[in-house]
Structure formats: C-alpha cells, structure tokens
C-alpha cells in the first residue's frame, strides 16, 4: 500500500534551505506598505481656514450689496411701471407754438459792430392736452441771426388750462446793443440791399409744468422758430413778418 503520509510523487520534497514565509511576504500580516509622505499630505489648518473659508465680514458686505441692488432695481421697475401707466391714462402732449407777427424798428449798427434794434413778437401758444394744464415760468426769449444773438428779454409767467390757446406778446429792446461779429453786419446789410428781406431766428426757453389732479411733472421747454423772414425797408420804416404765421419746433 502507499504511504499517504509520505511525499507526493512528482513534487520535490521541501528543504530547510528554501525561502521562508517572511521572505515571501515582506510585510507583516494584516499590514501594508509604509505611508508615503508625498501621498499623505495634510494641509495646514491655518492656511486652509484663511484661504478656503469665506470671511464673515466679506459675506455680510456682499449680502448687503445684493440687497441694495435688488432694492434699486425694484424701485426702478415700480417707478417705470407707474410712469408708463400714467402716460397711458393722461397722454401728455407738448404745447404748440407759432409766430403770428414779428416787427423790427430802429435797426442800426455802430462802427464798433454793435447792433441796436427794437423788435416786437406775438406768439400763439396752444395746450392740446384734454386732461392736463400747463404752467410756464422763467421764460426767456431771444432773437438770432444765423446763431448770433441780437437781442433778448424775459417774459412774465403764464398758465394754460386744458385745450387752451394763449397769445404771448414780447418786446425785445437792446438799449446798450449786442456786440456782434463783422460778418453779421455784412450779412444783414447784404440781404437788405438785395431784396430788403432778412431771415431771423427766434428761441424761447422756459420751465414748463404738466399738472393734473393726480400727477405733476416739470421739465425745460425749448421752442425754435426758424427762418422768420422780415421785410426791412431801406427808408428806415419798421419791418414786418412776410409770408404769414410761422409754426415753431417744440422740444424738451
């Protein structure tokens, strides 16, 4: 019979000089390789707290700024919506102006290029609004020749009810005269000598108030009356507006 306790046939018998269990498994049982300092880096808690954690003061300031921006945006939206609704209900319109008459007298120049004239202007102002009245104050009027000032004056405040038409008369008299460039003198004298007609511009600037029962707005009104042709006779008689009433451009 075979001896089952003997060595198996075909396998070499173990020798005492063979590798030991410690050589075949260099790490202790249940253990692993020693820790590598490059893979087990532990960040400094001071720097981690300083650079990676948000500061309380900064967070509070950012929150306050977000609240302020949100409040301003909300206020702007509310104001814009309210203004748009009021505009839809009231439909405010700018007034309409036209020059009815424009006369000049005592139109002379001095050797020092100073112009002396007396001009009288009559305007018609219309309020086209059916739900808003208009008020004018700090009214200034001036006469120009090709953007060069010739005379100016101030007008008394006035008001207009809805669908109202008002006649405005202004007298512009320069007692001391306005100093002008020589080309202005030459240009006016040239037009007078050519056909006795001179083109002037009239400007009116005023504070205007749009007012209804529940709404009030104030702005600067600008009126431009251009190319007002005035006939100036060579015999020194007063000159007047030619071509009839002239409409003006109005803006704010």
Protein backbone atom coordinates (compact mmCIF):
# COMPACT_ATOMS: atom_id res chain seq x y z
CA UNK A 1 0.00 0.00 0.00
CA UNK A 2 1.02 3.58 -0.48
CA UNK A 3 2.12 5.63 2.43
CA UNK A 4 -0.20 8.62 2.41
CA UNK A 5 1.98 10.46 4.89
CA UNK A 6 4.99 10.39 2.59
CA UNK A 7 5.85 12.94 -0.05
CA UNK A 8 3.71 13.09 -3.16
CA UNK A 9 5.19 11.58 -6.22
CA UNK A 10 6.47 14.14 -8.74
CA UNK A 11 6.90 17.06 -6.30
CA UNK A 12 10.26 17.83 -4.72
CA UNK A 13 10.47 17.48 -1.04
CA UNK A 14 10.74 20.72 0.91
CA UNK A 15 14.19 21.60 2.05
CA UNK A 16 15.29 23.61 5.01
CA UNK A 17 17.19 25.99 2.74
CA UNK A 18 14.04 27.16 0.86
CA UNK A 19 12.53 30.68 1.19
CA UNK A 20 10.83 31.35 4.46
CA UNK A 21 7.37 32.84 4.86
CA UNK A 22 8.87 36.13 5.90
CA UNK A 23 10.85 36.38 2.69
CA UNK A 24 7.84 35.55 0.51
CA UNK A 25 5.66 38.17 2.28
CA UNK A 26 7.88 41.11 3.24
CA UNK A 27 5.02 42.98 5.09
CA UNK A 28 3.64 41.88 8.37
CA UNK A 29 0.37 40.03 8.38
CA UNK A 30 -2.55 42.39 8.02
CA UNK A 31 -0.22 45.31 7.25
CA UNK A 32 0.51 47.30 4.11
CA UNK A 33 3.34 49.34 2.71
CA UNK A 34 4.64 52.15 4.89
CA UNK A 35 2.93 55.50 4.38
CA UNK A 36 4.34 57.69 1.62
CA UNK A 37 4.81 61.28 2.79
CA UNK A 38 4.03 62.62 -0.73
CA UNK A 39 0.62 60.97 -0.92
CA UNK A 40 -0.48 61.59 2.64
CA UNK A 41 -0.06 65.38 2.70
CA UNK A 42 -2.08 67.04 5.43
CA UNK A 43 -2.80 70.77 4.69
CA UNK A 44 -2.02 73.32 7.31
CA UNK A 45 -5.31 74.08 9.08
CA UNK A 46 -4.33 77.77 9.45
CA UNK A 47 -3.92 78.32 5.70
CA UNK A 48 -6.94 76.16 4.95
CA UNK A 49 -9.11 78.31 7.18
CA UNK A 50 -7.61 81.54 5.87
CA UNK A 51 -7.87 80.85 2.12
CA UNK A 52 -10.73 78.42 1.74
CA UNK A 53 -13.27 79.57 4.26
CA UNK A 54 -15.20 82.80 3.49
CA UNK A 55 -14.65 85.63 5.90
CA UNK A 56 -17.76 86.71 7.85
CA UNK A 57 -17.28 90.45 7.14
CA UNK A 58 -16.91 89.89 3.40
CA UNK A 59 -20.02 87.70 3.31
CA UNK A 60 -22.03 90.34 5.15
CA UNK A 61 -20.88 93.11 2.82
CA UNK A 62 -21.71 91.03 -0.25
CA UNK A 63 -25.15 90.29 1.14
CA UNK A 64 -25.77 93.99 1.85
CA UNK A 65 -24.71 94.95 -1.68
CA UNK A 66 -27.04 92.36 -3.19
CA UNK A 67 -29.91 93.70 -1.10
CA UNK A 68 -29.17 97.28 -2.16
CA UNK A 69 -29.03 96.35 -5.86
CA UNK A 70 -32.24 94.37 -5.58
CA UNK A 71 -33.95 97.32 -3.87
CA UNK A 72 -32.78 99.80 -6.54
CA UNK A 73 -33.87 97.52 -9.37
CA UNK A 74 -37.27 97.02 -7.75
CA UNK A 75 -37.66 100.77 -7.20
CA UNK A 76 -36.74 101.48 -10.82
CA UNK A 77 -39.25 98.92 -12.08
CA UNK A 78 -42.01 100.33 -9.87
CA UNK A 79 -41.28 103.91 -10.97
CA UNK A 80 -41.10 102.95 -14.64
CA UNK A 81 -44.32 100.97 -14.48
CA UNK A 82 -46.14 103.79 -12.67
CA UNK A 83 -44.91 106.39 -15.16
CA UNK A 84 -45.94 104.24 -18.10
CA UNK A 85 -49.45 103.69 -16.68
CA UNK A 86 -49.85 107.44 -16.01
CA UNK A 87 -48.69 108.20 -19.54
CA UNK A 88 -51.23 105.75 -20.96
CA UNK A 89 -54.03 107.36 -18.94
CA UNK A 90 -53.13 111.05 -19.35
CA UNK A 91 -51.26 111.01 -22.68
CA UNK A 92 -49.33 114.28 -22.06
CA UNK A 93 -48.54 116.28 -25.19
CA UNK A 94 -46.13 119.15 -25.75
CA UNK A 95 -47.63 122.59 -26.38
CA UNK A 96 -47.75 124.09 -29.85
CA UNK A 97 -46.29 127.49 -30.74
CA UNK A 98 -46.46 129.69 -33.80
CA UNK A 99 -45.23 133.21 -34.61
CA UNK A 100 -48.13 135.45 -35.61
CA UNK A 101 -46.19 138.69 -36.09
CA UNK A 102 -42.59 139.86 -35.90
CA UNK A 103 -41.67 143.51 -36.42
CA UNK A 104 -38.38 145.39 -36.22
CA UNK A 105 -37.67 149.09 -35.74
CA UNK A 106 -34.67 151.27 -35.02
CA UNK A 107 -32.44 148.71 -36.69
CA UNK A 108 -28.95 150.24 -36.71
CA UNK A 109 -25.30 149.26 -36.40
CA UNK A 110 -22.45 151.22 -34.88
CA UNK A 111 -18.86 151.31 -36.04
CA UNK A 112 -17.96 149.01 -33.17
CA UNK A 113 -20.16 146.22 -34.58
CA UNK A 114 -22.93 146.70 -32.05
CA UNK A 115 -26.50 146.20 -33.18
CA UNK A 116 -29.44 148.24 -31.88
CA UNK A 117 -32.99 147.16 -32.61
CA UNK A 118 -36.46 147.08 -31.14
CA UNK A 119 -38.45 144.00 -32.00
CA UNK A 120 -41.97 143.05 -31.07
CA UNK A 121 -43.05 139.42 -31.33
CA UNK A 122 -46.51 137.93 -30.95
CA UNK A 123 -46.79 134.20 -30.37
CA UNK A 124 -49.73 131.85 -30.01
CA UNK A 125 -49.30 129.01 -27.52
CA UNK A 126 -51.76 126.08 -27.59
CA UNK A 127 -52.29 123.43 -24.96
CA UNK A 128 -53.51 120.30 -26.82
CA UNK A 129 -53.98 118.26 -23.63
CA UNK A 130 -57.51 117.42 -22.52
CA UNK A 131 -56.53 116.21 -19.03
CA UNK A 132 -53.54 118.37 -18.12
CA UNK A 133 -52.94 122.07 -17.55
CA UNK A 134 -49.63 123.80 -18.34
CA UNK A 135 -47.66 126.44 -16.45
CA UNK A 136 -44.69 128.41 -17.79
CA UNK A 137 -42.14 130.26 -15.66
CA UNK A 138 -38.61 131.66 -16.05
CA UNK A 139 -39.45 132.37 -19.69
CA UNK A 140 -36.56 133.69 -21.81
CA UNK A 141 -36.81 134.84 -25.41
CA UNK A 142 -34.06 135.86 -27.84
CA UNK A 143 -33.67 136.92 -31.49
CA UNK A 144 -30.77 135.49 -33.53
CA UNK A 145 -29.25 135.99 -36.93
CA UNK A 146 -27.54 132.78 -38.06
CA UNK A 147 -26.90 131.70 -34.43
CA UNK A 148 -25.60 135.17 -33.46
CA UNK A 149 -27.50 136.82 -30.62
CA UNK A 150 -29.10 140.19 -31.46
CA UNK A 151 -31.50 140.87 -28.56
CA UNK A 152 -33.13 139.06 -25.63
CA UNK A 153 -35.71 139.57 -22.91
CA UNK A 154 -37.62 137.85 -20.10
CA UNK A 155 -41.37 137.21 -20.06
CA UNK A 156 -43.84 137.02 -17.22
CA UNK A 157 -45.04 133.55 -16.15
CA UNK A 158 -48.36 132.36 -17.55
CA UNK A 159 -50.59 129.30 -17.36
CA UNK A 160 -52.92 127.41 -19.68
CA UNK A 161 -55.90 125.27 -18.85
CA UNK A 162 -56.78 122.20 -20.90
CA UNK A 163 -57.44 122.82 -24.60
CA UNK A 164 -56.49 126.47 -24.12
CA UNK A 165 -54.93 128.95 -26.53
CA UNK A 166 -52.90 131.90 -25.23
CA UNK A 167 -51.44 134.90 -27.03
CA UNK A 168 -47.96 135.92 -25.85
CA UNK A 169 -46.55 139.35 -26.74
CA UNK A 170 -42.88 140.16 -26.11
CA UNK A 171 -40.90 143.32 -26.73
CA UNK A 172 -37.15 142.96 -27.14
CA UNK A 173 -35.23 146.22 -26.87
CA UNK A 174 -31.48 146.36 -26.53
CA UNK A 175 -30.69 149.75 -25.04
CA UNK A 176 -26.96 149.06 -24.91
CA UNK A 177 -26.94 146.91 -28.02
CA UNK A 178 -25.39 143.50 -28.56
CA UNK A 179 -21.82 143.11 -29.74
CA UNK A 180 -21.68 141.05 -32.94
CA UNK A 181 -19.05 139.90 -35.40
CA UNK A 182 -18.38 141.90 -38.53
CA UNK A 183 -19.74 139.11 -40.75
CA UNK A 184 -23.16 139.60 -39.10
CA UNK A 185 -23.20 143.28 -40.08
CA UNK A 186 -22.09 142.47 -43.60
CA UNK A 187 -24.64 139.65 -43.95
CA UNK A 188 -27.63 141.70 -42.78
CA UNK A 189 -26.67 144.72 -44.87
CA UNK A 190 -26.19 142.44 -47.88
CA UNK A 191 -29.67 140.92 -47.51
CA UNK A 192 -31.25 144.34 -47.02
CA UNK A 193 -29.55 145.67 -50.13
CA UNK A 194 -30.53 142.59 -52.16
CA UNK A 195 -34.29 142.36 -51.57
CA UNK A 196 -34.93 144.12 -48.23
CA UNK A 197 -35.73 140.74 -46.59
CA UNK A 198 -33.67 139.38 -43.68
CA UNK A 199 -34.06 135.94 -42.11
CA UNK A 200 -34.05 135.75 -38.31
CA UNK A 201 -34.48 133.00 -35.74
CA UNK A 202 -36.46 133.20 -32.53
CA UNK A 203 -35.87 130.99 -29.49
CA UNK A 204 -37.86 130.61 -26.32
CA UNK A 205 -36.73 128.65 -23.27
CA UNK A 206 -38.93 128.08 -20.23
CA UNK A 207 -39.66 125.80 -17.33
CA UNK A 208 -42.92 124.01 -18.03
CA UNK A 209 -45.11 122.12 -15.55
CA UNK A 210 -47.58 119.45 -16.63
CA UNK A 211 -50.24 119.09 -13.97
CA UNK A 212 -53.38 117.04 -13.44
CA UNK A 213 -55.36 116.11 -10.35
CA UNK A 214 -53.12 113.14 -9.52
CA UNK A 215 -49.88 113.79 -11.40
CA UNK A 216 -47.35 116.59 -11.79
CA UNK A 217 -44.16 116.80 -13.87
CA UNK A 218 -41.71 119.59 -14.56
CA UNK A 219 -39.18 119.98 -17.37
CA UNK A 220 -37.37 122.51 -19.55
CA UNK A 221 -39.24 123.54 -22.69
CA UNK A 222 -37.37 124.68 -25.82
CA UNK A 223 -39.12 126.46 -28.71
CA UNK A 224 -37.33 127.10 -32.02
CA UNK A 225 -38.89 129.46 -34.58
CA UNK A 226 -36.58 129.47 -37.58
CA UNK A 227 -36.34 131.28 -40.91
CA UNK A 228 -38.58 134.18 -39.94
CA UNK A 229 -38.26 136.46 -42.96
CA UNK A 230 -38.74 140.10 -42.03
CA UNK A 231 -39.01 142.82 -44.64
CA UNK A 232 -36.85 145.80 -43.67
CA UNK A 233 -37.44 148.85 -45.92
CA UNK A 234 -34.38 150.87 -46.79
CA UNK A 235 -36.12 154.09 -45.78
CA UNK A 236 -35.88 153.19 -42.08
CA UNK A 237 -39.54 152.29 -41.63
CA UNK A 238 -40.40 149.33 -39.36
CA UNK A 239 -40.15 145.92 -40.96
CA UNK A 240 -42.69 143.13 -40.55
CA UNK A 241 -43.01 139.38 -40.96
CA UNK A 242 -43.62 138.24 -44.50
CA UNK A 243 -45.46 135.09 -45.53
CA UNK A 244 -47.96 134.94 -42.66
CA UNK A 245 -47.78 132.99 -39.36
CA UNK A 246 -44.90 130.56 -38.98
CA UNK A 247 -45.04 127.37 -36.87
CA UNK A 248 -42.26 126.57 -34.39
CA UNK A 249 -40.50 123.39 -33.34
CA UNK A 250 -41.04 122.40 -29.70
CA UNK A 251 -38.98 120.02 -27.60
CA UNK A 252 -37.88 119.23 -24.06
